[in-house]
Amino acid sequence: MEGINLSSSVPEGNQRKSRFFNGSTFIVFIFIVLCSAWGGMYLYGQSLVKILQQKQDTFTTKSQEIKNDKANRTAELDARVKLAQKQLKDTVNTDELLTQLEASVIPNIRLTKYEFNAEKKVITIAGETDDFQYIPQQIEGFKAKGVAKDVAVESLEKKEGVVSFLFKINL
């Protein structure tokens, strides 16, 4: 009994091959699952890109609005500051001006009237003295102290030994 293979004596008809679950069907099934997974990930990635783009557009819009609001607030503040500076520059401190005028009055002059017109920026001063010679000295006194640059004599008259005068000072 030499060379007899006992395993070949089993008939091959008892072994059935499964038609449904062979190797090629398994490979196709795995390929379909992988393609589905890849397609799902691709669609999910596209939806995330859309959401990210919407968020970025919203962020850009809001940041522009904030920049515009900030610029508008800055411009309004700048306009207010300029207006305040202009009003302060145009405003004359009458107390300080009167103090300077009184300090520059020479001893022989008595001031009897002081008026300030803010719209025209004109000071009107009336006074009295004993002699005409003190009037030009007083005008020079105003100019020397820097109180006034433009002094005009509006009226000048002498009654009963008293010289009355009226100065107009343009600021």
C-alpha atoms as a PDB file:
ATOM      1  CA  MET A   1       0.000   0.000   0.000  1.00  0.00           C
ATOM      2  CA  GLU A   2       2.441   2.207  -0.884  1.00  0.00           C
ATOM      3  CA  GLY A   3       1.590   5.618  -2.251  1.00  0.00           C
ATOM      4  CA  ILE A   4      -2.040   5.591  -1.390  1.00  0.00           C
ATOM      5  CA  ASN A   5      -3.421   8.877  -0.199  1.00  0.00           C
ATOM      6  CA  LEU A   6      -6.188   8.235   2.210  1.00  0.00           C
ATOM      7  CA  SER A   7      -7.392  11.857   2.232  1.00  0.00           C
ATOM      8  CA  SER A   8      -8.304  11.699  -1.386  1.00  0.00           C
ATOM      9  CA  SER A   9     -10.773   8.977  -0.683  1.00  0.00           C
ATOM     10  CA  VAL A  10     -13.228  11.537   0.755  1.00  0.00           C
ATOM     11  CA  PRO A  11     -15.625  12.598  -1.916  1.00  0.00           C
ATOM     12  CA  GLU A  12     -15.471  16.271  -2.806  1.00  0.00           C
ATOM     13  CA  GLY A  13     -19.216  16.700  -3.095  1.00  0.00           C
ATOM     14  CA  ASN A  14     -19.667  17.065   0.662  1.00  0.00           C
ATOM     15  CA  GLN A  15     -17.759  20.396   0.713  1.00  0.00           C
ATOM     16  CA  ARG A  16     -20.015  23.165  -0.487  1.00  0.00           C
ATOM     17  CA  LYS A  17     -18.723  26.525  -1.438  1.00  0.00           C
ATOM     18  CA  SER A  18     -20.746  29.479  -0.274  1.00  0.00           C
ATOM     19  CA  ARG A  19     -21.773  31.606  -3.168  1.00  0.00           C
ATOM     20  CA  PHE A  20     -22.668  34.693  -1.189  1.00  0.00           C
ATOM     21  CA  PHE A  21     -19.603  35.025   0.943  1.00  0.00           C
ATOM     22  CA  ASN A  22     -16.696  34.449  -1.336  1.00  0.00           C
ATOM     23  CA  GLY A  23     -13.560  36.713  -1.477  1.00  0.00           C
ATOM     24  CA  SER A  24     -14.580  39.051  -4.280  1.00  0.00           C
ATOM     25  CA  THR A  25     -17.943  39.837  -2.685  1.00  0.00           C
ATOM     26  CA  PHE A  26     -16.183  40.682   0.564  1.00  0.00           C
ATOM     27  CA  ILE A  27     -13.815  43.067  -1.222  1.00  0.00           C
ATOM     28  CA  VAL A  28     -16.711  44.819  -2.995  1.00  0.00           C
ATOM     29  CA  PHE A  29     -18.583  45.135   0.296  1.00  0.00           C
ATOM     30  CA  ILE A  30     -15.524  46.707   2.001  1.00  0.00           C
ATOM     31  CA  PHE A  31     -15.078  49.079  -0.988  1.00  0.00           C
ATOM     32  CA  ILE A  32     -18.717  50.233  -0.750  1.00  0.00           C
ATOM     33  CA  VAL A  33     -18.387  50.840   3.005  1.00  0.00           C
ATOM     34  CA  LEU A  34     -15.167  52.804   2.500  1.00  0.00           C
ATOM     35  CA  CYS A  35     -16.705  54.894  -0.299  1.00  0.00           C
ATOM     36  CA  SER A  36     -19.731  55.637   1.892  1.00  0.00           C
ATOM     37  CA  ALA A  37     -17.503  56.645   4.777  1.00  0.00           C
ATOM     38  CA  TRP A  38     -15.376  58.845   2.514  1.00  0.00           C
ATOM     39  CA  GLY A  39     -18.491  60.478   0.989  1.00  0.00           C
ATOM     40  CA  GLY A  40     -19.942  61.115   4.428  1.00  0.00           C
ATOM     41  CA  MET A  41     -16.700  62.712   5.636  1.00  0.00           C
ATOM     42  CA  TYR A  42     -16.530  64.823   2.464  1.00  0.00           C
ATOM     43  CA  LEU A  43     -20.097  66.111   2.961  1.00  0.00           C
ATOM     44  CA  TYR A  44     -19.434  66.777   6.643  1.00  0.00           C
ATOM     45  CA  GLY A  45     -16.265  68.694   5.726  1.00  0.00           C
ATOM     46  CA  GLN A  46     -18.195  70.770   3.172  1.00  0.00           C
ATOM     47  CA  SER A  47     -20.867  71.632   5.753  1.00  0.00           C
ATOM     48  CA  LEU A  48     -18.136  72.693   8.199  1.00  0.00           C
ATOM     49  CA  VAL A  49     -16.559  74.905   5.506  1.00  0.00           C
ATOM     50  CA  LYS A  50     -19.944  76.580   4.906  1.00  0.00           C
ATOM     51  CA  ILE A  51     -20.475  77.157   8.623  1.00  0.00           C
ATOM     52  CA  LEU A  52     -16.939  78.519   8.987  1.00  0.00           C
ATOM     53  CA  GLN A  53     -17.461  80.868   6.032  1.00  0.00           C
ATOM     54  CA  GLN A  54     -20.713  82.162   7.551  1.00  0.00           C
ATOM     55  CA  LYS A  55     -19.004  82.763  10.899  1.00  0.00           C
ATOM     56  CA  GLN A  56     -16.107  84.529   9.194  1.00  0.00           C
ATOM     57  CA  ASP A  57     -18.495  86.759   7.215  1.00  0.00           C
ATOM     58  CA  THR A  58     -20.384  87.607  10.401  1.00  0.00           C
ATOM     59  CA  PHE A  59     -17.123  88.390  12.179  1.00  0.00           C
ATOM     60  CA  THR A  60     -15.966  90.625   9.320  1.00  0.00           C
ATOM     61  CA  THR A  61     -19.273  92.486   9.234  1.00  0.00           C
ATOM     62  CA  LYS A  62     -19.341  93.019  12.992  1.00  0.00           C
ATOM     63  CA  SER A  63     -15.725  94.150  13.108  1.00  0.00           C
ATOM     64  CA  GLN A  64     -16.408  96.695  10.347  1.00  0.00           C
ATOM     65  CA  GLU A  65     -19.445  97.972  12.251  1.00  0.00           C
ATOM     66  CA  ILE A  66     -17.348  98.303  15.399  1.00  0.00           C
ATOM     67  CA  LYS A  67     -14.613 100.126  13.494  1.00  0.00           C
ATOM     68  CA  ASN A  68     -17.193 102.460  11.941  1.00  0.00           C
ATOM     69  CA  ASP A  69     -18.838 103.105  15.314  1.00  0.00           C
ATOM     70  CA  LYS A  70     -15.456 103.768  16.879  1.00  0.00           C
ATOM     71  CA  ALA A  71     -14.532 106.125  14.049  1.00  0.00           C
ATOM     72  CA  ASN A  72     -17.882 107.913  14.366  1.00  0.00           C
ATOM     73  CA  ARG A  73     -17.460 108.287  18.123  1.00  0.00           C
ATOM     74  CA  THR A  74     -13.924 109.571  17.625  1.00  0.00           C
ATOM     75  CA  ALA A  75     -15.080 112.074  15.005  1.00  0.00           C
ATOM     76  CA  GLU A  76     -17.922 113.276  17.252  1.00  0.00           C
ATOM     77  CA  LEU A  77     -15.544 113.667  20.183  1.00  0.00           C
ATOM     78  CA  ASP A  78     -13.068 115.550  18.004  1.00  0.00           C
ATOM     79  CA  ALA A  79     -15.818 117.886  16.789  1.00  0.00           C
ATOM     80  CA  ARG A  80     -16.930 118.532  20.367  1.00  0.00           C
ATOM     81  CA  VAL A  81     -13.380 119.248  21.508  1.00  0.00           C
ATOM     82  CA  LYS A  82     -12.845 121.667  18.613  1.00  0.00           C
ATOM     83  CA  LEU A  83     -16.118 123.427  19.385  1.00  0.00           C
ATOM     84  CA  ALA A  84     -15.202 123.714  23.062  1.00  0.00           C
ATOM     85  CA  GLN A  85     -11.752 125.060  22.185  1.00  0.00           C
ATOM     86  CA  LYS A  86     -13.288 127.589  19.812  1.00  0.00           C
ATOM     87  CA  GLN A  87     -15.784 128.732  22.425  1.00  0.00           C
ATOM     88  CA  LEU A  88     -13.051 129.023  25.038  1.00  0.00           C
ATOM     89  CA  LYS A  89     -10.847 130.901  22.602  1.00  0.00           C
ATOM     90  CA  ASP A  90     -13.661 133.268  21.642  1.00  0.00           C
ATOM     91  CA  THR A  91     -14.637 133.855  25.263  1.00  0.00           C
ATOM     92  CA  VAL A  92     -13.000 136.769  26.997  1.00  0.00           C
ATOM     93  CA  ASN A  93     -12.406 136.560  30.717  1.00  0.00           C
ATOM     94  CA  THR A  94     -13.983 139.877  31.742  1.00  0.00           C
ATOM     95  CA  ASP A  95     -12.867 139.647  35.365  1.00  0.00           C
ATOM     96  CA  GLU A  96      -9.244 139.310  34.367  1.00  0.00           C
ATOM     97  CA  LEU A  97      -9.618 142.042  31.769  1.00  0.00           C
ATOM     98  CA  LEU A  98     -11.182 144.457  34.273  1.00  0.00           C
ATOM     99  CA  THR A  99      -8.415 143.692  36.784  1.00  0.00           C
ATOM    100  CA  GLN A 100      -5.781 144.466  34.131  1.00  0.00           C
ATOM    101  CA  LEU A 101      -7.563 147.701  33.170  1.00  0.00           C
ATOM    102  CA  GLU A 102      -7.781 148.831  36.789  1.00  0.00           C
ATOM    103  CA  ALA A 103      -4.120 148.029  37.323  1.00  0.00           C
ATOM    104  CA  SER A 104      -3.124 150.158  34.345  1.00  0.00           C
ATOM    105  CA  VAL A 105      -5.124 153.234  35.408  1.00  0.00           C
ATOM    106  CA  ILE A 106      -2.873 156.162  36.318  1.00  0.00           C
ATOM    107  CA  PRO A 107      -3.474 157.930  39.659  1.00  0.00           C
ATOM    108  CA  ASN A 108      -5.103 161.102  38.289  1.00  0.00           C
ATOM    109  CA  ILE A 109      -7.877 159.218  36.429  1.00  0.00           C
ATOM    110  CA  ARG A 110     -11.194 158.107  37.965  1.00  0.00           C
ATOM    111  CA  LEU A 111     -13.144 155.492  36.013  1.00  0.00           C
ATOM    112  CA  THR A 112     -16.892 156.049  36.155  1.00  0.00           C
ATOM    113  CA  LYS A 113     -18.243 153.494  33.709  1.00  0.00           C
ATOM    114  CA  TYR A 114     -17.204 150.094  32.324  1.00  0.00           C
ATOM    115  CA  GLU A 115     -19.108 148.165  29.648  1.00  0.00           C
ATOM    116  CA  PHE A 116     -18.161 145.061  27.711  1.00  0.00           C
ATOM    117  CA  ASN A 117     -19.908 144.020  24.485  1.00  0.00           C
ATOM    118  CA  ALA A 118     -19.107 140.330  23.935  1.00  0.00           C
ATOM    119  CA  GLU A 119     -20.584 140.210  20.423  1.00  0.00           C
ATOM    120  CA  LYS A 120     -18.534 143.119  19.106  1.00  0.00           C
ATOM    121  CA  LYS A 121     -15.654 142.504  21.536  1.00  0.00           C
ATOM    122  CA  VAL A 122     -15.563 146.149  22.499  1.00  0.00           C
ATOM    123  CA  ILE A 123     -14.936 147.673  25.929  1.00  0.00           C
ATOM    124  CA  THR A 124     -16.339 151.110  26.691  1.00  0.00           C
ATOM    125  CA  ILE A 125     -14.729 153.034  29.555  1.00  0.00           C
ATOM    126  CA  ALA A 126     -15.850 156.414  30.834  1.00  0.00           C
ATOM    127  CA  GLY A 127     -13.879 158.450  33.307  1.00  0.00           C
ATOM    128  CA  GLU A 128     -12.913 161.839  34.666  1.00  0.00           C
ATOM    129  CA  THR A 129      -9.697 163.706  35.264  1.00  0.00           C
ATOM    130  CA  ASP A 130      -8.519 167.197  36.187  1.00  0.00           C
ATOM    131  CA  ASP A 131      -6.387 167.933  33.127  1.00  0.00           C
ATOM    132  CA  PHE A 132      -6.258 166.968  29.451  1.00  0.00           C
ATOM    133  CA  GLN A 133      -2.629 165.862  29.751  1.00  0.00           C
ATOM    134  CA  TYR A 134      -3.601 162.692  31.640  1.00  0.00           C
ATOM    135  CA  ILE A 135      -5.760 161.334  28.820  1.00  0.00           C
ATOM    136  CA  PRO A 136      -2.867 160.501  26.409  1.00  0.00           C
ATOM    137  CA  GLN A 137      -0.913 159.162  29.376  1.00  0.00           C
ATOM    138  CA  GLN A 138      -3.799 156.867  30.212  1.00  0.00           C
ATOM    139  CA  ILE A 139      -4.042 155.623  26.619  1.00  0.00           C
ATOM    140  CA  GLU A 140      -0.317 154.865  26.696  1.00  0.00           C
ATOM    141  CA  GLY A 141      -0.814 153.118  30.045  1.00  0.00           C
ATOM    142  CA  PHE A 142      -3.416 150.793  28.530  1.00  0.00           C
ATOM    143  CA  LYS A 143      -1.149 150.030  25.584  1.00  0.00           C
ATOM    144  CA  ALA A 144       1.987 149.577  27.706  1.00  0.00           C
ATOM    145  CA  LYS A 145       0.398 146.981  29.989  1.00  0.00           C
ATOM    146  CA  GLY A 146      -0.845 145.006  26.967  1.00  0.00           C
ATOM    147  CA  VAL A 147      -4.464 145.458  27.930  1.00  0.00           C
ATOM    148  CA  ALA A 148      -5.430 147.103  24.648  1.00  0.00           C
ATOM    149  CA  LYS A 149      -3.844 147.703  21.282  1.00  0.00           C
ATOM    150  CA  ASP A 150      -6.594 149.787  19.699  1.00  0.00           C
ATOM    151  CA  VAL A 151      -7.904 152.570  21.943  1.00  0.00           C
ATOM    152  CA  ALA A 152     -10.170 155.254  20.472  1.00  0.00           C
ATOM    153  CA  VAL A 153     -11.375 158.405  22.209  1.00  0.00           C
ATOM    154  CA  GLU A 154     -15.111 158.609  21.521  1.00  0.00           C
ATOM    155  CA  SER A 155     -15.887 161.759  23.449  1.00  0.00           C
ATOM    156  CA  LEU A 156     -13.960 164.388  25.325  1.00  0.00           C
ATOM    157  CA  GLU A 157     -15.409 167.425  27.113  1.00  0.00           C
ATOM    158  CA  LYS A 158     -14.572 169.789  29.942  1.00  0.00           C
ATOM    159  CA  LYS A 159     -17.248 171.071  32.315  1.00  0.00           C
ATOM    160  CA  GLU A 160     -16.620 172.994  35.523  1.00  0.00           C
ATOM    161  CA  GLY A 161     -12.931 172.047  35.658  1.00  0.00           C
ATOM    162  CA  VAL A 162     -13.567 168.316  35.177  1.00  0.00           C
ATOM    163  CA  VAL A 163     -12.534 166.617  31.944  1.00  0.00           C
ATOM    164  CA  SER A 164     -14.862 163.740  31.024  1.00  0.00           C
ATOM    165  CA  PHE A 165     -13.823 161.183  28.458  1.00  0.00           C
ATOM    166  CA  LEU A 166     -15.109 158.018  26.824  1.00  0.00           C
ATOM    167  CA  PHE A 167     -12.718 155.362  25.481  1.00  0.00           C
ATOM    168  CA  LYS A 168     -13.584 152.477  23.170  1.00  0.00           C
ATOM    169  CA  ILE A 169     -11.159 149.580  23.231  1.00  0.00           C
ATOM    170  CA  ASN A 170     -11.347 146.939  20.500  1.00  0.00           C
ATOM    171  CA  LEU A 171     -10.061 143.543  21.553  1.00  0.00           C
END
